[in-house]
Protein backbone atom coordinates (compact mmCIF):
# COMPACT_ATOMS: atom_id res chain seq x y z
CA UNK A 1 -0.30 -11.36 13.10
CA UNK A 2 -2.44 -14.21 14.33
CA UNK A 3 -2.40 -17.76 13.00
CA UNK A 4 -5.94 -18.79 12.03
CA UNK A 5 -7.90 -21.81 10.81
CA UNK A 6 -10.21 -20.50 8.08
CA UNK A 7 -13.49 -22.09 7.03
CA UNK A 8 -12.52 -24.68 4.39
CA UNK A 9 -15.38 -23.94 1.98
CA UNK A 10 -14.82 -20.17 2.03
CA UNK A 11 -11.08 -20.72 1.73
CA UNK A 12 -11.35 -22.87 -1.41
CA UNK A 13 -13.68 -20.26 -2.91
CA UNK A 14 -11.17 -17.50 -2.08
CA UNK A 15 -8.20 -19.47 -3.44
CA UNK A 16 -9.97 -20.08 -6.74
CA UNK A 17 -9.94 -16.30 -7.27
CA UNK A 18 -6.13 -16.34 -7.17
CA UNK A 19 -4.61 -16.53 -10.65
CA UNK A 20 -1.96 -19.01 -9.56
CA UNK A 21 -4.58 -21.46 -8.28
CA UNK A 22 -7.24 -20.83 -10.92
CA UNK A 23 -6.54 -24.04 -12.88
CA UNK A 24 -6.26 -26.38 -9.90
CA UNK A 25 -8.85 -28.98 -8.95
CA UNK A 26 -10.42 -28.98 -5.48
CA UNK A 27 -8.20 -31.94 -4.55
CA UNK A 28 -5.07 -30.07 -5.64
CA UNK A 29 -6.23 -27.02 -3.66
CA UNK A 30 -6.86 -29.19 -0.60
CA UNK A 31 -3.26 -30.39 -0.77
CA UNK A 32 -1.95 -26.81 -0.99
CA UNK A 33 -4.11 -25.90 2.00
CA UNK A 34 -2.65 -28.82 3.96
CA UNK A 35 0.89 -27.54 3.39
CA UNK A 36 0.15 -23.88 4.08
CA UNK A 37 -0.27 -21.64 7.07
CA UNK A 38 -2.99 -19.02 7.42
CA UNK A 39 -2.66 -15.68 9.15
CA UNK A 40 -4.81 -12.70 9.96
CA UNK A 41 -3.42 -9.16 10.13
CA UNK A 42 -5.03 -6.09 11.66
CA UNK A 43 -5.33 -2.79 9.80
CA UNK A 44 -1.96 -1.00 9.50
CA UNK A 45 -0.01 -4.14 10.41
CA UNK A 46 3.08 -4.85 8.28
CA UNK A 47 2.85 -8.21 6.52
CA UNK A 48 6.26 -8.06 4.87
CA UNK A 49 8.89 -5.35 5.03
CA UNK A 50 11.05 -4.17 2.16
CA UNK A 51 14.56 -5.55 2.44
CA UNK A 52 13.63 -8.60 4.51
CA UNK A 53 14.69 -12.01 3.20
CA UNK A 54 12.09 -14.75 3.33
CA UNK A 55 11.16 -17.97 1.56
CA UNK A 56 7.38 -17.49 1.76
CA UNK A 57 4.83 -16.88 -0.96
CA UNK A 58 1.57 -15.18 0.06
CA UNK A 59 -1.97 -15.24 -1.35
CA UNK A 60 -4.52 -12.76 -0.01
CA UNK A 61 -7.74 -14.59 0.86
CA UNK A 62 -9.53 -11.64 2.48
CA UNK A 63 -9.06 -7.88 2.69
CA UNK A 64 -6.96 -5.24 1.01
CA UNK A 65 -3.30 -4.35 1.42
CA UNK A 66 -1.21 -1.39 0.37
CA UNK A 67 2.16 -1.73 -1.35
CA UNK A 68 4.97 0.75 -0.62
CA UNK A 69 8.61 1.08 -1.68
CA UNK A 70 11.33 3.22 -0.13
CA UNK A 71 12.63 6.15 -2.14
CA UNK A 72 16.28 7.21 -2.13
CA UNK A 73 15.87 9.11 1.15
CA UNK A 74 14.03 6.27 2.88
CA UNK A 75 10.45 7.57 2.69
CA UNK A 76 7.68 5.10 1.87
CA UNK A 77 6.10 5.77 -1.53
CA UNK A 78 2.64 4.31 -2.17
CA UNK A 79 2.58 2.04 -5.24
CA UNK A 80 -0.83 0.34 -5.31
CA UNK A 81 -3.41 -1.70 -3.43
CA UNK A 82 -3.85 -5.44 -3.81
CA UNK A 83 -6.60 -7.64 -2.46
CA UNK A 84 -8.34 -11.00 -2.47
CA UNK A 85 -6.80 -13.40 -4.95
CA UNK A 86 -3.62 -11.37 -5.39
CA UNK A 87 -0.21 -12.89 -4.78
CA UNK A 88 2.99 -11.39 -3.44
CA UNK A 89 6.40 -12.80 -2.62
CA UNK A 90 6.52 -14.95 -5.76
CA UNK A 91 10.28 -14.59 -6.15
CA UNK A 92 10.72 -16.40 -2.80
CA UNK A 93 9.58 -19.61 -4.50
CA UNK A 94 12.82 -19.55 -6.52
CA UNK A 95 15.49 -18.06 -4.27
CA UNK A 96 16.24 -16.02 -1.17
CA UNK A 97 16.08 -12.40 -2.28
CA UNK A 98 15.33 -9.21 -0.41
CA UNK A 99 11.70 -8.16 -0.51
CA UNK A 100 11.27 -5.32 -2.98
CA UNK A 101 8.29 -3.71 -1.24
CA UNK A 102 6.52 -3.27 2.07
CA UNK A 103 3.02 -4.77 2.28
CA UNK A 104 0.70 -3.28 4.91
CA UNK A 105 -2.83 -4.41 5.78
CA UNK A 106 -5.31 -1.64 4.93
CA UNK A 107 -8.10 -3.40 6.81
CA UNK A 108 -8.37 -6.88 8.33
CA UNK A 109 -6.41 -9.13 5.97
CA UNK A 110 -6.14 -12.91 5.81
CA UNK A 111 -3.42 -14.68 3.84
CA UNK A 112 -2.27 -18.12 2.85
CA UNK A 113 1.48 -18.45 3.39
CA UNK A 114 3.49 -21.33 1.97
CA UNK A 115 7.23 -21.88 2.31
CA UNK A 116 9.49 -22.71 -0.59
CA UNK A 117 10.30 -26.09 1.02
CA UNK A 118 6.64 -27.11 1.22
CA UNK A 119 5.93 -25.71 -2.23
CA UNK A 120 8.75 -27.83 -3.72
CA UNK A 121 7.34 -30.84 -1.85
CA UNK A 122 3.93 -30.10 -3.43
CA UNK A 123 5.45 -29.92 -6.92
CA UNK A 124 7.21 -33.24 -6.37
CA UNK A 125 3.96 -35.03 -5.53
CA UNK A 126 1.64 -33.04 -7.83
CA UNK A 127 3.81 -32.20 -10.86
CA UNK A 128 0.91 -31.30 -13.14
CA UNK A 129 -0.49 -28.82 -10.61
CA UNK A 130 3.02 -27.56 -9.89
CA UNK A 131 3.63 -26.82 -13.57
CA UNK A 132 0.36 -24.85 -13.71
CA UNK A 133 1.30 -22.80 -10.65
CA UNK A 134 4.90 -22.19 -11.76
CA UNK A 135 3.73 -21.12 -15.21
CA UNK A 136 1.38 -18.58 -13.67
CA UNK A 137 4.01 -17.36 -11.20
CA UNK A 138 6.49 -16.82 -14.04
CA UNK A 139 3.80 -15.05 -16.06
CA UNK A 140 3.03 -12.82 -13.05
CA UNK A 141 6.71 -11.94 -12.55
CA UNK A 142 7.14 -11.17 -16.26
CA UNK A 143 4.05 -8.94 -16.18
CA UNK A 144 5.39 -7.08 -13.14
CA UNK A 145 8.76 -6.66 -14.84
CA UNK A 146 7.10 -5.30 -17.97
CA UNK A 147 5.07 -2.81 -15.90
CA UNK A 148 8.20 -1.73 -14.03
CA UNK A 149 10.05 -1.24 -17.32
CA UNK A 150 7.18 0.86 -18.67
CA UNK A 151 7.18 2.98 -15.50
CA UNK A 152 10.94 3.52 -15.82
CA UNK A 153 10.62 4.43 -19.51
CA UNK A 154 7.80 6.87 -18.72
CA UNK A 155 9.80 8.44 -15.91
CA UNK A 156 12.86 8.85 -18.12
CA UNK A 157 10.76 10.32 -20.91
CA UNK A 158 9.42 12.92 -18.48
CA UNK A 159 12.77 14.00 -17.12
CA UNK A 160 14.83 16.57 -18.91
CA UNK A 161 18.51 17.10 -19.27
CA UNK A 162 19.72 20.24 -17.49
CA UNK A 163 22.15 20.93 -20.32
CA UNK A 164 19.26 21.07 -22.79
CA UNK A 165 17.29 23.44 -20.56
CA UNK A 166 20.38 25.62 -19.94
CA UNK A 167 20.93 25.91 -23.70
CA UNK A 168 17.27 26.76 -24.27
CA UNK A 169 17.33 29.48 -21.59
CA UNK A 170 20.52 30.95 -23.04
CA UNK A 171 18.92 31.04 -26.48
CA UNK A 172 15.87 32.87 -25.14
CA UNK A 173 18.00 35.35 -23.23
CA UNK A 174 20.29 36.03 -26.16
CA UNK A 175 17.79 36.03 -29.03
CA UNK A 176 17.36 39.51 -30.35
CA UNK A 177 20.14 40.99 -28.20
CA UNK A 178 22.04 42.09 -31.32
CA UNK A 179 18.87 43.44 -32.90
CA UNK A 180 17.82 45.76 -30.08
CA UNK A 181 21.31 46.64 -28.90
CA UNK A 182 21.19 45.04 -25.46
CA UNK A 183 24.20 43.22 -24.11
CA UNK A 184 24.38 39.45 -24.62
CA UNK A 185 24.20 37.23 -21.57
CA UNK A 186 27.09 34.77 -21.42
């Protein structure tokens, strides 16, 4: 991780691709830039690690990252890729919670990072812009929750109950046993 000073014009262009900043004016974006830090990550470098606690929100301004979560035995499971304009760490704007995923740079990645303290300061001085951003953050979190719920429902729908399968196997094994005179399996 290296702190960087990105080209202002390219940065504003990149930030306008982020949903949470889409409705902000250039002046409002300039103020966010002034309160933020900017970092570059090399390929395969961990940006955030699952389980860490942090008060930073991130916006990808360049590159692609991969998102992983740990399974029950601790292996990393690939979830998706996210890139320019995507946001992660939104929950940190509201409270200190453990990160729910590991984010790894797939190639060279640049991010805007803003702390909760500076974000609250921004909202205090730019309430209209703050409301726009918070609305979009809440929308993003709700969308992610909906997708997670759908994934859980799909996973549950595709799992079977062993008792049901055991009963089915017993029925297959025992069907016709009386008819052909073979012993029943119990």
